[in-house]
Every structure is written in C-alpha cells, then in structure tokens.
C-alpha cells in the first residue's frame, strides 16, 4: 500500500470496551489528523461508543466528524460481550446521558462511509477495527449505487485495513486448541 498526498483515512471502531481502539484513534490524531476524515462506531451501544470517540477527539483539540452506526451484527450467534462498562474514565455520567445532538454526532455510519468514498474516489483508506456491520451495509449501498449507474467503479475505497480477532477453545484430535 502506497500513501499518496491525497490519501484520507476513515476509522470504523468499537471503541470503549478496552484501550486498543482508543490507542488507534489517538495514533491517527497524532500522526495524520488532517487526513482523518471521520470516525464511525459499531457494536453494542454504538451511540455511546460515538460519544467516547468524540470526547477523545475534542480532548486532543481536533474537530473530526463522528457518526454512530450499527449496534447489532447482521448475523452472529454470539452475544455482545463486555457491554455496560464502555466509557468509564472518559465520559462523565452527565455526558453518558446527553443526546448525540449535543455532541454534534450523527447517525447512519454506512451512509457516511458511502458519502466519503464517493466524494473522495480512490483516496480513502478504511481502517476497520470493529465488527464489520457498518462496512457490510456500506458495501450493500455502494453496490446499489453502482448497479443503478449512480457511481462508477473508479469511485471506490483505496485500501482497507482490518484488525480483528476471536478467541475460542475447542478440541481437535483430543487436544485443546486456542484460536
């Protein structure tokens, strides 16, 4: 992946359950704040996660759009884990209860992703460090636009970086394996 002068970044995150996503956001704000065109949130309470992202962005003196997205996966047999403790130490109790509008946060992350990709053709690197629900819905929307002739194949994501993990234990040939 080669970074051009016009490369822009969009972060899709499930910030708030632990510190890794906060570190990723803070690294982008430190290294390429002028290239970060937005942050979208997913998983669990995506609206609360959006408030956490917005607070971190504002605390560092930046003004970058944050858009809350999908809270539930499209299909998953697993319940949402670690829910209910997001944002402690970042948000006050009052901020946790404030409406999104008071933070300047919008909703409909998939629509925001589509708008950024089509407005900046071939320039957006999508960094996905959350469950891919927002991305899946955005791809569905992009397919509709492409099929209806409302966008061209050149209006696409430059690159996508994915960071994901899963942990489970199962017996394989009688031996416990962790993934």
Protein backbone atom coordinates (compact mmCIF):
# COMPACT_ATOMS: atom_id res chain seq x y z
CA UNK A 1 0.00 0.00 0.00
CA UNK A 2 1.43 3.34 -1.07
CA UNK A 3 0.29 6.51 0.66
CA UNK A 4 -0.33 9.36 -1.72
CA UNK A 5 -0.51 13.04 -0.75
CA UNK A 6 -4.28 12.92 -1.10
CA UNK A 7 -4.80 9.70 0.93
CA UNK A 8 -7.53 10.05 3.53
CA UNK A 9 -8.39 7.76 6.45
CA UNK A 10 -11.74 6.73 7.84
CA UNK A 11 -11.76 4.75 11.12
CA UNK A 12 -14.57 2.29 11.90
CA UNK A 13 -14.25 1.33 15.56
CA UNK A 14 -15.90 -0.30 18.55
CA UNK A 15 -14.01 1.98 20.91
CA UNK A 16 -14.75 1.78 24.60
CA UNK A 17 -14.60 -1.79 25.86
CA UNK A 18 -10.83 -1.73 26.27
CA UNK A 19 -7.98 0.56 25.30
CA UNK A 20 -6.77 -0.74 21.92
CA UNK A 21 -9.21 1.25 19.79
CA UNK A 22 -8.56 4.41 21.81
CA UNK A 23 -4.84 3.96 21.12
CA UNK A 24 -5.56 3.56 17.39
CA UNK A 25 -7.67 6.73 17.31
CA UNK A 26 -5.10 8.71 19.30
CA UNK A 27 -2.30 7.50 17.00
CA UNK A 28 -4.22 8.72 13.93
CA UNK A 29 -4.89 12.05 15.65
CA UNK A 30 -1.18 12.41 16.44
CA UNK A 31 0.23 11.21 13.11
CA UNK A 32 -2.28 12.24 10.42
CA UNK A 33 -5.03 14.42 11.93
CA UNK A 34 -5.53 16.41 8.72
CA UNK A 35 -6.13 13.17 6.81
CA UNK A 36 -8.65 11.62 9.22
CA UNK A 37 -11.97 12.42 7.57
CA UNK A 38 -14.22 10.64 10.02
CA UNK A 39 -14.80 8.06 12.70
CA UNK A 40 -17.71 5.63 12.67
CA UNK A 41 -18.73 3.36 15.53
CA UNK A 42 -20.28 -0.08 15.73
CA UNK A 43 -21.15 -2.89 18.13
CA UNK A 44 -23.01 -2.90 21.42
CA UNK A 45 -24.15 0.63 22.09
CA UNK A 46 -22.71 2.34 19.02
CA UNK A 47 -24.10 5.70 20.18
CA UNK A 48 -22.19 5.53 23.48
CA UNK A 49 -19.06 4.50 21.57
CA UNK A 50 -19.52 7.54 19.32
CA UNK A 51 -19.60 9.81 22.38
CA UNK A 52 -16.34 8.25 23.61
CA UNK A 53 -14.66 8.81 20.23
CA UNK A 54 -15.93 12.40 20.02
CA UNK A 55 -14.70 13.19 23.53
CA UNK A 56 -11.20 11.84 22.76
CA UNK A 57 -11.08 13.81 19.50
CA UNK A 58 -12.16 17.04 21.18
CA UNK A 59 -9.78 16.48 24.11
CA UNK A 60 -6.90 16.47 21.63
CA UNK A 61 -8.10 19.74 20.09
CA UNK A 62 -9.43 18.32 16.82
CA UNK A 63 -12.80 18.59 15.13
CA UNK A 64 -13.45 15.43 13.12
CA UNK A 65 -16.89 14.03 12.28
CA UNK A 66 -18.07 11.07 14.35
CA UNK A 67 -21.03 9.02 13.18
CA UNK A 68 -22.75 6.31 15.19
CA UNK A 69 -23.51 3.16 13.27
CA UNK A 70 -24.86 -0.31 13.71
CA UNK A 71 -25.16 -1.66 17.25
CA UNK A 72 -26.06 -5.23 16.32
CA UNK A 73 -24.26 -7.58 13.96
CA UNK A 74 -26.06 -8.70 10.81
CA UNK A 75 -25.87 -12.27 12.00
CA UNK A 76 -23.98 -13.70 14.90
CA UNK A 77 -24.65 -16.46 17.36
CA UNK A 78 -22.52 -14.72 19.99
CA UNK A 79 -23.93 -12.20 22.47
CA UNK A 80 -22.29 -8.81 22.81
CA UNK A 81 -19.58 -9.08 25.43
CA UNK A 82 -18.16 -6.54 27.88
CA UNK A 83 -21.17 -4.29 27.44
CA UNK A 84 -22.16 -1.78 30.09
CA UNK A 85 -18.73 -0.53 31.08
CA UNK A 86 -17.85 1.47 27.98
CA UNK A 87 -16.56 4.97 28.52
CA UNK A 88 -15.84 4.86 32.25
CA UNK A 89 -12.94 7.18 32.90
CA UNK A 90 -13.59 9.07 29.65
CA UNK A 91 -17.20 10.25 29.87
CA UNK A 92 -18.89 11.81 32.88
CA UNK A 93 -22.25 10.40 33.93
CA UNK A 94 -23.87 13.55 32.51
CA UNK A 95 -22.13 13.05 29.14
CA UNK A 96 -23.23 9.41 29.05
CA UNK A 97 -26.85 10.59 29.26
CA UNK A 98 -26.67 13.55 26.84
CA UNK A 99 -28.28 13.14 23.42
CA UNK A 100 -25.99 12.67 20.43
CA UNK A 101 -27.03 16.04 19.01
CA UNK A 102 -25.38 17.78 21.97
CA UNK A 103 -22.08 16.23 20.85
CA UNK A 104 -22.60 17.02 17.16
CA UNK A 105 -22.76 13.30 16.41
CA UNK A 106 -24.83 11.99 13.53
CA UNK A 107 -26.19 8.50 12.98
CA UNK A 108 -26.12 6.18 9.95
CA UNK A 109 -22.46 5.30 9.64
CA UNK A 110 -22.93 3.19 6.47
CA UNK A 111 -24.36 6.22 4.66
CA UNK A 112 -21.47 8.37 5.90
CA UNK A 113 -18.93 5.79 4.67
CA UNK A 114 -20.56 5.72 1.23
CA UNK A 115 -20.58 9.52 1.05
CA UNK A 116 -16.89 9.75 1.96
CA UNK A 117 -15.87 7.05 -0.52
CA UNK A 118 -17.85 8.52 -3.41
CA UNK A 119 -16.77 12.10 -2.61
CA UNK A 120 -13.10 11.10 -2.48
CA UNK A 121 -12.77 8.45 -5.20
CA UNK A 122 -9.77 6.18 -4.77
CA UNK A 123 -8.41 8.27 -1.89
CA UNK A 124 -9.95 6.67 1.22
CA UNK A 125 -8.27 4.00 3.27
CA UNK A 126 -10.86 2.42 5.51
CA UNK A 127 -9.42 1.22 8.81
CA UNK A 128 -11.81 -1.36 10.27
CA UNK A 129 -11.16 -2.30 13.88
CA UNK A 130 -14.76 -3.14 14.79
CA UNK A 131 -17.19 -5.83 13.77
CA UNK A 132 -17.80 -5.26 10.07
CA UNK A 133 -21.52 -4.43 10.21
CA UNK A 134 -21.12 -0.80 9.09
CA UNK A 135 -18.81 -1.92 6.30
CA UNK A 136 -21.21 -4.64 5.12
CA UNK A 137 -24.11 -2.20 4.97
CA UNK A 138 -21.95 0.39 3.18
CA UNK A 139 -20.88 -2.20 0.59
CA UNK A 140 -24.55 -3.06 0.01
CA UNK A 141 -25.28 0.64 -0.53
CA UNK A 142 -22.28 1.04 -2.86
CA UNK A 143 -23.44 -1.98 -4.89
CA UNK A 144 -26.87 -0.38 -5.33
CA UNK A 145 -25.30 2.90 -6.48
CA UNK A 146 -23.02 1.06 -8.89
CA UNK A 147 -25.84 -1.09 -10.30
CA UNK A 148 -28.11 1.92 -10.76
CA UNK A 149 -25.36 3.81 -12.60
CA UNK A 150 -25.17 6.47 -9.89
CA UNK A 151 -21.45 5.89 -9.37
CA UNK A 152 -18.58 4.41 -11.35
CA UNK A 153 -16.16 1.65 -10.48
CA UNK A 154 -13.47 4.34 -10.04
CA UNK A 155 -15.32 5.69 -7.00
CA UNK A 156 -14.02 3.10 -4.60
CA UNK A 157 -12.12 2.61 -1.40
CA UNK A 158 -8.38 2.96 -1.94
CA UNK A 159 -7.49 0.25 0.58
CA UNK A 160 -8.93 -1.38 3.64
CA UNK A 161 -7.03 -2.34 6.76
CA UNK A 162 -8.68 -4.90 9.01
CA UNK A 163 -7.79 -5.78 12.54
CA UNK A 164 -9.83 -8.49 14.14
CA UNK A 165 -9.56 -11.36 16.48
CA UNK A 166 -11.51 -14.14 18.01
CA UNK A 167 -10.76 -16.48 20.83
CA UNK A 168 -12.25 -19.88 21.38
CA UNK A 169 -11.13 -23.19 22.68
CA UNK A 170 -12.05 -26.44 21.04
CA UNK A 171 -10.86 -29.98 20.98
CA UNK A 172 -9.11 -31.06 17.81
CA UNK A 173 -7.99 -34.67 17.77
CA UNK A 174 -8.43 -34.76 21.54
CA UNK A 175 -6.13 -31.77 22.13
CA UNK A 176 -7.38 -28.40 23.41
CA UNK A 177 -6.57 -25.68 20.82
CA UNK A 178 -6.95 -21.94 21.26
CA UNK A 179 -7.61 -19.60 18.35
